[in-house]
């Protein structure tokens, strides 16, 4: 089984109650950081194909579909995809999003298919031994000049005493800004990098939010 699949499948079985259980990534809506990044992206492309990696309950795919993009969304957790489809129907954008149960390490899309790829806290759950494979997949399906947005845990997260750990079968990795630049800088122009604290919903984490463009 893929690393973390059991952890996330269980989380989505709790539905909205997972928030009060401390499994606190957002269910609906997007933050100001992604809204800001999307405004920058729309200066160059007003529509196109966007891939939402590890889409969860579909909040990012729904946002892009509502803003003129053709969205594709993948997650390896069946429960996440089922909830995402329901939320897309509620938002009346289900016809603008292609949901698929799949793994980010084996993207089922043609070369240079996407104008935008969004990874909002997926890479930080991938074990380092698979980083090269992840990058190979992302670079293959993203068009030259395409945009890539990344959100990952920061080492400046309060009370953190190590750069990585496991919770059940799920892996958590925490990055410095230098880590990000070294990992992605050879392949992408880094346009904007921000470090922000997320307190709601709990638990509290510090994140790096990054907007990049494929060289």
N, C-alpha and C. Protein backbone atom coordinates (compact mmCIF):
# COMPACT_ATOMS: atom_id res chain seq x y z
N UNK A 1 0.84 -1.20 0.00
CA UNK A 1 0.00 0.00 0.00
C UNK A 1 0.88 1.25 0.00
N UNK A 2 0.43 2.32 -0.71
CA UNK A 2 1.20 3.56 -0.78
C UNK A 2 1.35 4.17 0.61
N UNK A 3 2.49 4.83 0.83
CA UNK A 3 2.74 5.49 2.10
C UNK A 3 1.65 6.51 2.40
N UNK A 4 1.02 6.39 3.55
CA UNK A 4 0.01 7.33 3.98
C UNK A 4 -1.41 7.02 3.55
N UNK A 5 -1.59 6.04 2.70
CA UNK A 5 -2.94 5.79 2.18
C UNK A 5 -3.91 5.38 3.29
N UNK A 6 -3.46 4.52 4.20
CA UNK A 6 -4.32 4.09 5.30
C UNK A 6 -4.70 5.27 6.18
N UNK A 7 -3.73 6.14 6.47
CA UNK A 7 -3.94 7.32 7.31
C UNK A 7 -5.02 8.22 6.71
N UNK A 8 -4.89 8.52 5.42
CA UNK A 8 -5.82 9.46 4.79
C UNK A 8 -7.18 8.83 4.50
N UNK A 9 -7.20 7.56 4.14
CA UNK A 9 -8.49 6.89 3.95
C UNK A 9 -9.30 6.93 5.25
N UNK A 10 -8.63 6.67 6.35
CA UNK A 10 -9.32 6.69 7.64
C UNK A 10 -9.82 8.10 7.97
N UNK A 11 -8.99 9.11 7.66
CA UNK A 11 -9.38 10.49 7.96
C UNK A 11 -10.66 10.88 7.22
N UNK A 12 -10.75 10.50 5.95
CA UNK A 12 -11.91 10.91 5.16
C UNK A 12 -13.17 10.13 5.56
N UNK A 13 -13.02 9.00 6.20
CA UNK A 13 -14.19 8.27 6.70
C UNK A 13 -14.90 9.05 7.81
N UNK A 14 -14.17 9.92 8.50
CA UNK A 14 -14.77 10.70 9.57
C UNK A 14 -15.60 11.87 9.04
N UNK A 15 -15.46 12.17 7.73
CA UNK A 15 -16.21 13.30 7.17
C UNK A 15 -15.80 14.60 7.82
N UNK A 16 -16.76 15.50 8.02
CA UNK A 16 -16.46 16.79 8.62
C UNK A 16 -15.97 16.68 10.06
N UNK A 17 -16.25 15.57 10.71
CA UNK A 17 -15.84 15.39 12.10
C UNK A 17 -14.33 15.26 12.26
N UNK A 18 -13.62 15.03 11.14
CA UNK A 18 -12.16 14.88 11.26
C UNK A 18 -11.51 16.15 11.80
N UNK A 19 -12.12 17.32 11.58
CA UNK A 19 -11.55 18.57 12.06
C UNK A 19 -11.43 18.56 13.58
N UNK A 20 -12.51 18.18 14.26
CA UNK A 20 -12.50 18.17 15.72
C UNK A 20 -11.62 17.05 16.27
N UNK A 21 -11.22 16.13 15.40
CA UNK A 21 -10.32 15.04 15.82
C UNK A 21 -8.86 15.40 15.61
N UNK A 22 -8.60 16.63 15.15
CA UNK A 22 -7.23 17.08 14.95
C UNK A 22 -6.67 16.79 13.58
N UNK A 23 -7.50 16.31 12.67
CA UNK A 23 -7.08 16.07 11.29
C UNK A 23 -7.51 17.29 10.49
N UNK A 24 -6.78 18.38 10.70
CA UNK A 24 -7.32 19.69 10.41
C UNK A 24 -6.91 20.39 9.15
N UNK A 25 -6.75 19.68 8.03
CA UNK A 25 -6.61 20.43 6.78
C UNK A 25 -8.00 20.87 6.35
N UNK A 26 -8.11 22.04 5.69
CA UNK A 26 -9.43 22.60 5.39
C UNK A 26 -10.29 21.69 4.51
N UNK A 27 -11.60 21.82 4.67
CA UNK A 27 -12.55 21.04 3.90
C UNK A 27 -13.01 21.81 2.67
N UNK A 28 -13.29 23.10 2.84
CA UNK A 28 -13.79 23.91 1.74
C UNK A 28 -13.04 25.24 1.68
N UNK A 29 -13.03 25.84 0.49
CA UNK A 29 -12.43 27.15 0.31
C UNK A 29 -10.91 27.09 0.20
N UNK A 30 -10.31 28.19 -0.26
CA UNK A 30 -8.85 28.29 -0.36
C UNK A 30 -8.39 29.55 0.36
N UNK A 31 -7.11 29.55 0.74
CA UNK A 31 -6.54 30.67 1.48
C UNK A 31 -6.12 31.81 0.59
N UNK A 32 -5.74 32.91 1.23
CA UNK A 32 -5.32 34.10 0.50
C UNK A 32 -4.09 33.86 -0.36
N UNK A 33 -3.22 32.96 0.08
CA UNK A 33 -1.99 32.69 -0.67
C UNK A 33 -2.33 32.14 -2.06
N UNK A 34 -3.20 31.16 -2.13
CA UNK A 34 -3.54 30.56 -3.41
C UNK A 34 -4.35 31.53 -4.27
N UNK A 35 -5.19 32.34 -3.64
CA UNK A 35 -5.91 33.36 -4.39
C UNK A 35 -4.94 34.35 -5.03
N UNK A 36 -3.91 34.73 -4.27
CA UNK A 36 -2.90 35.64 -4.80
C UNK A 36 -2.14 35.00 -5.95
N UNK A 37 -1.75 33.74 -5.78
CA UNK A 37 -1.03 33.04 -6.85
C UNK A 37 -1.88 32.93 -8.11
N UNK A 38 -3.17 32.65 -7.94
CA UNK A 38 -4.04 32.50 -9.11
C UNK A 38 -4.18 33.81 -9.86
N UNK A 39 -4.17 34.93 -9.15
CA UNK A 39 -4.22 36.23 -9.81
C UNK A 39 -2.98 36.46 -10.67
N UNK A 40 -1.82 36.04 -10.15
CA UNK A 40 -0.59 36.15 -10.93
C UNK A 40 -0.66 35.26 -12.16
N UNK A 41 -1.12 34.03 -11.99
CA UNK A 41 -1.23 33.09 -13.10
C UNK A 41 -2.15 33.64 -14.18
N UNK A 42 -3.27 34.25 -13.78
CA UNK A 42 -4.26 34.74 -14.74
C UNK A 42 -3.77 35.96 -15.53
N UNK A 43 -2.68 36.56 -15.12
CA UNK A 43 -2.06 37.61 -15.92
C UNK A 43 -1.46 37.03 -17.21
N UNK A 44 -1.17 35.72 -17.16
CA UNK A 44 -0.53 35.05 -18.31
C UNK A 44 -1.50 34.14 -19.04
N UNK A 45 -2.36 33.44 -18.30
CA UNK A 45 -3.34 32.55 -18.92
C UNK A 45 -4.68 32.72 -18.21
N UNK A 46 -5.73 32.96 -18.99
CA UNK A 46 -7.04 33.20 -18.39
C UNK A 46 -7.83 31.91 -18.21
N UNK A 47 -7.38 30.87 -18.88
CA UNK A 47 -8.01 29.55 -18.73
C UNK A 47 -6.97 28.50 -19.08
N UNK A 48 -7.38 27.26 -19.16
CA UNK A 48 -6.43 26.19 -19.44
C UNK A 48 -6.69 25.02 -18.52
N UNK A 49 -5.77 24.07 -18.54
CA UNK A 49 -5.93 22.85 -17.74
C UNK A 49 -5.08 22.94 -16.48
N UNK A 50 -5.72 22.66 -15.33
CA UNK A 50 -5.02 22.67 -14.06
C UNK A 50 -5.15 21.29 -13.41
N UNK A 51 -4.05 20.80 -12.85
CA UNK A 51 -4.03 19.51 -12.16
C UNK A 51 -3.87 19.76 -10.66
N UNK A 52 -4.81 19.22 -9.90
CA UNK A 52 -4.80 19.32 -8.44
C UNK A 52 -4.29 17.99 -7.88
N UNK A 53 -3.05 17.99 -7.42
CA UNK A 53 -2.43 16.78 -6.88
C UNK A 53 -2.89 16.55 -5.45
N UNK A 54 -3.29 15.32 -5.14
CA UNK A 54 -3.77 15.03 -3.79
C UNK A 54 -4.92 15.93 -3.43
N UNK A 55 -5.97 15.89 -4.24
CA UNK A 55 -7.03 16.91 -4.20
C UNK A 55 -7.86 16.88 -2.93
N UNK A 56 -7.81 15.78 -2.17
CA UNK A 56 -8.65 15.72 -0.98
C UNK A 56 -10.11 15.86 -1.34
N UNK A 57 -10.80 16.76 -0.65
CA UNK A 57 -12.23 16.94 -0.88
C UNK A 57 -12.54 17.93 -1.99
N UNK A 58 -11.51 18.32 -2.77
CA UNK A 58 -11.73 19.04 -4.01
C UNK A 58 -11.80 20.54 -3.92
N UNK A 59 -11.44 21.12 -2.77
CA UNK A 59 -11.63 22.56 -2.60
C UNK A 59 -10.82 23.38 -3.60
N UNK A 60 -9.61 22.94 -3.93
CA UNK A 60 -8.77 23.69 -4.86
C UNK A 60 -9.26 23.51 -6.30
N UNK A 61 -9.63 22.30 -6.66
CA UNK A 61 -10.19 22.06 -7.99
C UNK A 61 -11.45 22.88 -8.21
N UNK A 62 -12.31 22.93 -7.20
CA UNK A 62 -13.54 23.71 -7.29
C UNK A 62 -13.22 25.19 -7.48
N UNK A 63 -12.25 25.69 -6.75
CA UNK A 63 -11.83 27.09 -6.89
C UNK A 63 -11.39 27.40 -8.31
N UNK A 64 -10.54 26.57 -8.88
CA UNK A 64 -10.06 26.82 -10.24
C UNK A 64 -11.17 26.66 -11.27
N UNK A 65 -12.04 25.68 -11.08
CA UNK A 65 -13.17 25.51 -11.99
C UNK A 65 -14.09 26.73 -11.96
N UNK A 66 -14.25 27.31 -10.80
CA UNK A 66 -15.08 28.51 -10.66
C UNK A 66 -14.42 29.73 -11.29
N UNK A 67 -13.12 29.63 -11.57
CA UNK A 67 -12.37 30.75 -12.13
C UNK A 67 -11.91 30.50 -13.56
N UNK A 68 -12.66 29.67 -14.28
CA UNK A 68 -12.47 29.55 -15.72
C UNK A 68 -11.53 28.47 -16.21
N UNK A 69 -11.04 27.63 -15.31
CA UNK A 69 -10.10 26.58 -15.71
C UNK A 69 -10.80 25.24 -15.85
N UNK A 70 -10.22 24.38 -16.67
CA UNK A 70 -10.64 22.99 -16.77
C UNK A 70 -9.80 22.20 -15.78
N UNK A 71 -10.44 21.68 -14.75
CA UNK A 71 -9.70 21.08 -13.64
C UNK A 71 -9.65 19.56 -13.72
N UNK A 72 -8.51 19.03 -13.35
CA UNK A 72 -8.29 17.59 -13.20
C UNK A 72 -7.79 17.39 -11.77
N UNK A 73 -8.36 16.40 -11.09
CA UNK A 73 -8.06 16.23 -9.67
C UNK A 73 -7.82 14.76 -9.36
N UNK A 74 -6.70 14.47 -8.69
CA UNK A 74 -6.41 13.09 -8.33
C UNK A 74 -6.14 12.98 -6.83
N UNK A 75 -6.47 11.82 -6.30
CA UNK A 75 -6.14 11.47 -4.92
C UNK A 75 -6.11 9.95 -4.84
N UNK A 76 -5.24 9.42 -3.99
CA UNK A 76 -5.20 7.95 -3.88
C UNK A 76 -6.22 7.42 -2.89
N UNK A 77 -6.93 8.35 -2.20
CA UNK A 77 -7.95 7.95 -1.23
C UNK A 77 -9.33 8.00 -1.88
N UNK A 78 -9.96 6.85 -2.02
CA UNK A 78 -11.28 6.78 -2.64
C UNK A 78 -12.29 7.63 -1.88
N UNK A 79 -12.20 7.64 -0.56
CA UNK A 79 -13.12 8.43 0.24
C UNK A 79 -13.02 9.92 -0.05
N UNK A 80 -11.81 10.38 -0.32
CA UNK A 80 -11.61 11.79 -0.66
C UNK A 80 -12.29 12.12 -1.98
N UNK A 81 -12.09 11.28 -2.98
CA UNK A 81 -12.68 11.51 -4.30
C UNK A 81 -14.21 11.50 -4.22
N UNK A 82 -14.76 10.59 -3.45
CA UNK A 82 -16.22 10.54 -3.31
C UNK A 82 -16.77 11.83 -2.71
N UNK A 83 -16.10 12.33 -1.68
CA UNK A 83 -16.55 13.59 -1.07
C UNK A 83 -16.33 14.77 -2.01
N UNK A 84 -15.22 14.76 -2.73
CA UNK A 84 -14.93 15.85 -3.67
C UNK A 84 -15.99 15.94 -4.76
N UNK A 85 -16.42 14.80 -5.27
CA UNK A 85 -17.46 14.80 -6.30
C UNK A 85 -18.76 15.41 -5.77
N UNK A 86 -19.09 15.09 -4.53
CA UNK A 86 -20.31 15.64 -3.93
C UNK A 86 -20.19 17.15 -3.76
N UNK A 87 -19.05 17.63 -3.27
CA UNK A 87 -18.87 19.07 -3.08
C UNK A 87 -18.86 19.80 -4.42
N UNK A 88 -18.30 19.18 -5.47
CA UNK A 88 -18.30 19.79 -6.80
C UNK A 88 -19.73 19.91 -7.33
N UNK A 89 -20.54 18.89 -7.09
CA UNK A 89 -21.95 18.95 -7.49
C UNK A 89 -22.66 20.09 -6.75
N UNK A 90 -22.42 20.21 -5.45
CA UNK A 90 -23.04 21.27 -4.66
C UNK A 90 -22.64 22.66 -5.19
N UNK A 91 -21.39 22.77 -5.66
CA UNK A 91 -20.88 24.05 -6.18
C UNK A 91 -21.24 24.25 -7.65
N UNK A 92 -21.90 23.27 -8.25
CA UNK A 92 -22.34 23.33 -9.65
C UNK A 92 -21.18 23.47 -10.63
N UNK A 93 -20.08 22.76 -10.34
CA UNK A 93 -18.93 22.75 -11.26
C UNK A 93 -18.47 21.33 -11.57
N UNK A 94 -19.32 20.34 -11.30
CA UNK A 94 -18.90 18.95 -11.51
C UNK A 94 -18.59 18.67 -12.97
N UNK A 95 -19.19 19.43 -13.89
CA UNK A 95 -18.93 19.23 -15.31
C UNK A 95 -17.60 19.84 -15.75
N UNK A 96 -16.95 20.56 -14.85
CA UNK A 96 -15.69 21.23 -15.16
C UNK A 96 -14.50 20.58 -14.47
N UNK A 97 -14.74 19.47 -13.75
CA UNK A 97 -13.66 18.80 -13.02
C UNK A 97 -13.66 17.32 -13.35
N UNK A 98 -12.50 16.80 -13.68
CA UNK A 98 -12.30 15.38 -13.96
C UNK A 98 -11.61 14.76 -12.75
N UNK A 99 -12.35 14.02 -11.94
CA UNK A 99 -11.79 13.39 -10.75
C UNK A 99 -11.30 11.97 -11.08
N UNK A 100 -10.19 11.59 -10.46
CA UNK A 100 -9.63 10.27 -10.71
C UNK A 100 -8.90 9.76 -9.46
N UNK A 101 -9.10 8.49 -9.15
CA UNK A 101 -8.32 7.85 -8.09
C UNK A 101 -6.98 7.44 -8.70
N UNK A 102 -5.90 8.06 -8.23
CA UNK A 102 -4.59 7.80 -8.83
C UNK A 102 -3.51 8.27 -7.86
N UNK A 103 -2.27 7.98 -8.24
CA UNK A 103 -1.11 8.29 -7.40
C UNK A 103 -0.24 9.32 -8.09
N UNK A 104 0.27 10.29 -7.32
CA UNK A 104 1.10 11.35 -7.90
C UNK A 104 2.43 10.83 -8.43
N UNK A 105 2.81 9.62 -8.06
CA UNK A 105 4.06 9.04 -8.55
C UNK A 105 3.89 8.29 -9.86
N UNK A 106 2.67 8.28 -10.38
CA UNK A 106 2.40 7.63 -11.67
C UNK A 106 1.24 8.37 -12.34
N UNK A 107 1.48 9.60 -12.75
CA UNK A 107 0.40 10.44 -13.27
C UNK A 107 -0.12 9.90 -14.60
N UNK A 108 -1.44 9.70 -14.71
CA UNK A 108 -2.03 9.07 -15.90
C UNK A 108 -2.42 10.09 -16.98
N UNK A 109 -1.48 10.97 -17.34
CA UNK A 109 -1.78 12.01 -18.30
C UNK A 109 -0.66 12.12 -19.34
N UNK A 110 -1.01 12.70 -20.48
CA UNK A 110 -0.06 12.85 -21.58
C UNK A 110 1.01 13.89 -21.24
N UNK A 111 2.11 13.83 -21.97
CA UNK A 111 3.19 14.79 -21.80
C UNK A 111 2.69 16.21 -22.07
N UNK A 112 3.17 17.16 -21.27
CA UNK A 112 2.89 18.59 -21.46
C UNK A 112 1.40 18.86 -21.62
N UNK A 113 0.61 18.25 -20.76
CA UNK A 113 -0.85 18.33 -20.84
C UNK A 113 -1.41 19.51 -20.05
N UNK A 114 -0.69 19.95 -18.99
CA UNK A 114 -1.25 20.93 -18.06
C UNK A 114 -0.56 22.29 -18.15
N UNK A 115 -1.38 23.32 -17.94
CA UNK A 115 -0.88 24.68 -17.85
C UNK A 115 -0.50 25.04 -16.42
N UNK A 116 -1.16 24.40 -15.47
CA UNK A 116 -0.95 24.69 -14.04
C UNK A 116 -1.01 23.36 -13.27
N UNK A 117 -0.10 23.20 -12.31
CA UNK A 117 -0.17 22.08 -11.38
C UNK A 117 -0.14 22.65 -9.96
N UNK A 118 -1.05 22.15 -9.13
CA UNK A 118 -1.13 22.60 -7.74
C UNK A 118 -0.83 21.42 -6.82
N UNK A 119 0.14 21.63 -5.94
CA UNK A 119 0.46 20.65 -4.89
C UNK A 119 0.36 21.37 -3.55
N UNK A 120 -0.76 21.19 -2.89
CA UNK A 120 -0.98 21.87 -1.61
C UNK A 120 -0.84 20.85 -0.49
N UNK A 121 0.42 20.64 -0.10
CA UNK A 121 0.80 19.72 0.98
C UNK A 121 0.65 18.25 0.59
N UNK A 122 1.27 17.92 -0.53
CA UNK A 122 1.43 16.52 -0.95
C UNK A 122 2.90 16.14 -0.90
N UNK A 123 3.74 17.01 -1.47
CA UNK A 123 5.18 16.70 -1.52
C UNK A 123 5.75 16.47 -0.13
N UNK A 124 5.21 17.17 0.87
CA UNK A 124 5.73 17.01 2.23
C UNK A 124 5.29 15.71 2.88
N UNK A 125 4.47 14.93 2.19
CA UNK A 125 4.10 13.59 2.67
C UNK A 125 4.76 12.48 1.84
N UNK A 126 5.66 12.86 0.94
CA UNK A 126 6.35 11.88 0.10
C UNK A 126 7.75 11.62 0.68
N UNK A 127 8.08 10.38 0.83
CA UNK A 127 9.40 10.03 1.36
C UNK A 127 10.50 10.47 0.38
N UNK A 128 11.64 10.95 0.89
CA UNK A 128 12.72 11.46 0.03
C UNK A 128 13.17 10.49 -1.06
N UNK A 129 13.09 9.20 -0.82
CA UNK A 129 13.50 8.23 -1.83
C UNK A 129 12.65 8.33 -3.10
N UNK A 130 11.47 8.96 -2.99
CA UNK A 130 10.57 9.08 -4.13
C UNK A 130 10.49 10.49 -4.70
N UNK A 131 11.32 11.40 -4.22
CA UNK A 131 11.26 12.78 -4.71
C UNK A 131 11.61 12.88 -6.19
N UNK A 132 12.62 12.17 -6.63
CA UNK A 132 13.00 12.23 -8.05
C UNK A 132 11.88 11.72 -8.95
N UNK A 133 11.21 10.66 -8.53
CA UNK A 133 10.10 10.12 -9.31
C UNK A 133 8.94 11.11 -9.35
N UNK A 134 8.66 11.73 -8.23
CA UNK A 134 7.62 12.77 -8.18
C UNK A 134 7.94 13.88 -9.17
N UNK A 135 9.16 14.40 -9.11
CA UNK A 135 9.55 15.50 -10.00
C UNK A 135 9.50 15.08 -11.47
N UNK A 136 9.90 13.86 -11.75
CA UNK A 136 9.85 13.37 -13.11
C UNK A 136 8.43 13.40 -13.65
N UNK A 137 7.48 13.00 -12.83
CA UNK A 137 6.07 13.00 -13.24
C UNK A 137 5.55 14.42 -13.44
N UNK A 138 5.83 15.31 -12.50
CA UNK A 138 5.36 16.69 -12.60
C UNK A 138 5.93 17.38 -13.83
N UNK A 139 7.22 17.24 -14.02
CA UNK A 139 7.88 17.90 -15.15
C UNK A 139 7.40 17.35 -16.49
N UNK A 140 7.07 16.09 -16.52
CA UNK A 140 6.61 15.47 -17.77
C UNK A 140 5.26 16.02 -18.21
N UNK A 141 4.32 16.17 -17.28
CA UNK A 141 2.95 16.54 -17.68
C UNK A 141 2.72 18.06 -17.70
N UNK A 142 3.67 18.85 -17.19
CA UNK A 142 3.51 20.30 -17.18
C UNK A 142 4.14 20.91 -18.43
N UNK A 143 3.41 21.82 -19.06
CA UNK A 143 3.90 22.47 -20.28
C UNK A 143 5.11 23.36 -19.97
N UNK A 144 5.99 23.56 -20.93
CA UNK A 144 7.06 24.56 -20.75
C UNK A 144 6.44 25.92 -20.44
N UNK A 145 6.95 26.59 -19.44
CA UNK A 145 6.37 27.85 -19.03
C UNK A 145 5.14 27.71 -18.17
N UNK A 146 4.74 26.46 -17.88
CA UNK A 146 3.59 26.23 -17.03
C UNK A 146 3.87 26.58 -15.58
N UNK A 147 2.81 26.84 -14.83
CA UNK A 147 2.93 27.25 -13.43
C UNK A 147 2.76 26.07 -12.48
N UNK A 148 3.52 26.12 -11.40
CA UNK A 148 3.50 25.06 -10.38
C UNK A 148 3.42 25.74 -9.02
N UNK A 149 2.38 25.43 -8.26
CA UNK A 149 2.25 25.98 -6.91
C UNK A 149 2.46 24.88 -5.89
N UNK A 150 3.18 25.21 -4.85
CA UNK A 150 3.59 24.23 -3.85
C UNK A 150 3.34 24.78 -2.45
N UNK A 151 2.80 23.95 -1.58
CA UNK A 151 2.69 24.29 -0.16
C UNK A 151 3.25 23.13 0.64
N UNK A 152 4.24 23.41 1.49
CA UNK A 152 4.88 22.35 2.28
C UNK A 152 5.11 22.83 3.71
N UNK A 153 5.21 21.89 4.61
CA UNK A 153 5.51 22.20 6.01
C UNK A 153 6.87 22.89 6.14
N UNK A 154 6.94 23.87 7.03
CA UNK A 154 8.19 24.57 7.33
C UNK A 154 8.82 24.02 8.60
N UNK A 155 10.15 24.04 8.64
CA UNK A 155 10.87 23.63 9.86
C UNK A 155 10.61 24.59 11.02
N UNK A 156 10.03 25.74 10.71
CA UNK A 156 9.75 26.72 11.76
C UNK A 156 8.38 26.50 12.41
N UNK A 157 7.78 25.35 12.16
CA UNK A 157 6.55 24.97 12.84
C UNK A 157 6.77 24.94 14.35
N UNK A 158 5.90 25.57 15.13
CA UNK A 158 6.09 25.60 16.60
C UNK A 158 6.16 24.19 17.20
N UNK A 159 7.03 24.04 18.16
CA UNK A 159 7.20 22.81 18.95
C UNK A 159 7.82 21.66 18.14
N UNK A 160 8.28 21.94 16.93
CA UNK A 160 8.88 20.88 16.11
C UNK A 160 10.29 20.58 16.60
N UNK A 161 10.62 19.29 16.76
CA UNK A 161 11.96 18.95 17.24
C UNK A 161 12.74 18.09 16.25
N UNK A 162 12.17 17.82 15.05
CA UNK A 162 12.90 17.09 14.02
C UNK A 162 12.31 17.39 12.66
N UNK A 163 13.07 17.13 11.60
CA UNK A 163 12.64 17.53 10.26
C UNK A 163 11.67 16.55 9.62
N UNK A 164 11.49 15.38 10.19
CA UNK A 164 10.55 14.43 9.61
C UNK A 164 10.09 13.46 10.68
N UNK A 165 8.93 12.88 10.46
CA UNK A 165 8.42 11.83 11.34
C UNK A 165 7.29 11.09 10.64
N UNK A 166 6.90 9.98 11.21
CA UNK A 166 5.75 9.22 10.74
C UNK A 166 4.63 9.33 11.76
N UNK A 167 3.39 9.40 11.25
CA UNK A 167 2.19 9.27 12.07
C UNK A 167 1.38 8.13 11.47
N UNK A 168 1.41 6.99 12.13
CA UNK A 168 0.87 5.80 11.49
C UNK A 168 1.70 5.48 10.25
N UNK A 169 1.02 5.30 9.10
CA UNK A 169 1.77 5.03 7.87
C UNK A 169 2.03 6.30 7.08
N UNK A 170 1.66 7.48 7.62
CA UNK A 170 1.82 8.74 6.91
C UNK A 170 3.15 9.39 7.27
N UNK A 171 3.83 9.91 6.24
CA UNK A 171 5.13 10.55 6.40
C UNK A 171 4.95 12.07 6.40
N UNK A 172 5.67 12.77 7.27
CA UNK A 172 5.63 14.22 7.36
C UNK A 172 7.06 14.75 7.25
N UNK A 173 7.29 15.67 6.30
CA UNK A 173 8.63 16.23 6.11
C UNK A 173 8.54 17.75 6.20
N UNK A 174 9.52 18.36 6.87
CA UNK A 174 9.52 19.80 7.12
C UNK A 174 10.73 20.43 6.43
N UNK A 175 10.51 21.53 5.71
CA UNK A 175 11.50 22.10 4.81
C UNK A 175 11.99 23.47 5.27
N UNK A 176 13.24 23.77 4.91
CA UNK A 176 13.75 25.14 4.98
C UNK A 176 13.53 25.78 3.62
N UNK A 177 13.64 27.10 3.57
CA UNK A 177 13.55 27.76 2.26
C UNK A 177 14.67 27.29 1.35
N UNK A 178 15.85 27.07 1.91
CA UNK A 178 16.98 26.59 1.11
C UNK A 178 16.71 25.20 0.54
N UNK A 179 16.05 24.34 1.32
CA UNK A 179 15.67 23.01 0.82
C UNK A 179 14.82 23.14 -0.44
N UNK A 180 13.85 24.06 -0.38
CA UNK A 180 12.93 24.24 -1.51
C UNK A 180 13.69 24.74 -2.74
N UNK A 181 14.54 25.71 -2.54
CA UNK A 181 15.30 26.27 -3.68
C UNK A 181 16.23 25.23 -4.28
N UNK A 182 16.86 24.42 -3.45
CA UNK A 182 17.76 23.38 -3.97
C UNK A 182 17.00 22.27 -4.69
N UNK A 183 15.82 21.92 -4.19
CA UNK A 183 15.05 20.82 -4.77
C UNK A 183 14.42 21.21 -6.09
N UNK A 184 13.92 22.45 -6.18
CA UNK A 184 13.12 22.85 -7.35
C UNK A 184 13.80 23.88 -8.25
N UNK A 185 14.84 24.53 -7.76
CA UNK A 185 15.43 25.66 -8.48
C UNK A 185 16.03 25.34 -9.83
N UNK A 186 16.48 24.11 -10.05
CA UNK A 186 17.05 23.75 -11.34
C UNK A 186 15.99 23.60 -12.43
N UNK A 187 14.75 23.42 -12.03
CA UNK A 187 13.68 23.13 -12.99
C UNK A 187 12.66 24.26 -13.11
N UNK A 188 12.59 25.11 -12.08
CA UNK A 188 11.56 26.13 -12.03
C UNK A 188 12.16 27.49 -11.67
N UNK A 189 11.58 28.53 -12.23
CA UNK A 189 11.82 29.89 -11.75
C UNK A 189 10.91 30.11 -10.54
N UNK A 190 11.50 30.46 -9.42
CA UNK A 190 10.70 30.71 -8.22
C UNK A 190 10.25 32.16 -8.23
N UNK A 191 8.94 32.36 -8.38
CA UNK A 191 8.35 33.68 -8.53
C UNK A 191 8.02 34.31 -7.18
N UNK A 192 7.48 33.50 -6.29
CA UNK A 192 7.01 34.02 -5.00
C UNK A 192 7.13 32.91 -3.97
N UNK A 193 7.71 33.22 -2.83
CA UNK A 193 7.79 32.25 -1.74
C UNK A 193 7.43 32.97 -0.44
N UNK A 194 6.48 32.40 0.29
CA UNK A 194 5.98 32.99 1.52
C UNK A 194 6.01 31.94 2.63
N UNK A 195 6.23 32.40 3.84
CA UNK A 195 6.13 31.52 4.99
C UNK A 195 5.02 32.05 5.89
N UNK A 196 4.02 31.20 6.17
CA UNK A 196 2.88 31.65 6.95
C UNK A 196 2.45 30.57 7.93
N UNK A 197 1.92 31.04 9.05
CA UNK A 197 1.44 30.15 10.10
C UNK A 197 -0.03 29.81 9.87
N UNK A 198 -0.35 28.52 9.94
CA UNK A 198 -1.75 28.07 9.88
C UNK A 198 -2.16 27.62 11.27
N UNK A 199 -3.16 28.29 11.81
CA UNK A 199 -3.65 27.93 13.14
C UNK A 199 -5.07 27.34 13.10
N UNK A 200 -5.82 27.67 12.05
CA UNK A 200 -7.20 27.19 11.94
C UNK A 200 -7.43 26.53 10.59
N UNK A 201 -8.06 25.38 10.53
CA UNK A 201 -8.39 24.58 11.72
C UNK A 201 -7.13 23.97 12.32
N UNK A 202 -7.15 23.63 13.62
CA UNK A 202 -5.97 23.04 14.25
C UNK A 202 -5.68 21.66 13.67
N UNK A 203 -4.46 21.15 13.81
CA UNK A 203 -3.34 21.68 14.60
C UNK A 203 -2.59 22.80 13.88
N UNK A 204 -1.68 23.44 14.60
CA UNK A 204 -0.89 24.56 14.08
C UNK A 204 0.33 24.05 13.32
N UNK A 205 0.52 24.58 12.11
CA UNK A 205 1.72 24.30 11.33
C UNK A 205 2.18 25.59 10.66
N UNK A 206 3.49 25.72 10.48
CA UNK A 206 4.05 26.76 9.63
C UNK A 206 4.23 26.15 8.25
N UNK A 207 3.86 26.92 7.21
CA UNK A 207 3.98 26.43 5.84
C UNK A 207 4.80 27.38 4.99
N UNK A 208 5.45 26.82 3.99
CA UNK A 208 5.96 27.62 2.87
C UNK A 208 4.97 27.46 1.72
N UNK A 209 4.56 28.59 1.14
CA UNK A 209 3.71 28.60 -0.04
C UNK A 209 4.55 29.18 -1.18
N UNK A 210 4.62 28.47 -2.30
CA UNK A 210 5.55 28.83 -3.36
C UNK A 210 4.85 28.83 -4.71
N UNK A 211 5.09 29.88 -5.51
CA UNK A 211 4.64 29.93 -6.89
C UNK A 211 5.87 29.84 -7.77
N UNK A 212 5.85 28.91 -8.73
CA UNK A 212 6.98 28.68 -9.62
C UNK A 212 6.51 28.59 -11.06
N UNK A 213 7.46 28.72 -11.98
CA UNK A 213 7.16 28.55 -13.40
C UNK A 213 8.24 27.68 -14.04
N UNK A 214 7.79 26.68 -14.78
CA UNK A 214 8.72 25.73 -15.38
C UNK A 214 9.64 26.41 -16.39
N UNK A 215 10.92 26.14 -16.27
CA UNK A 215 11.92 26.74 -17.16
C UNK A 215 11.84 26.09 -18.55
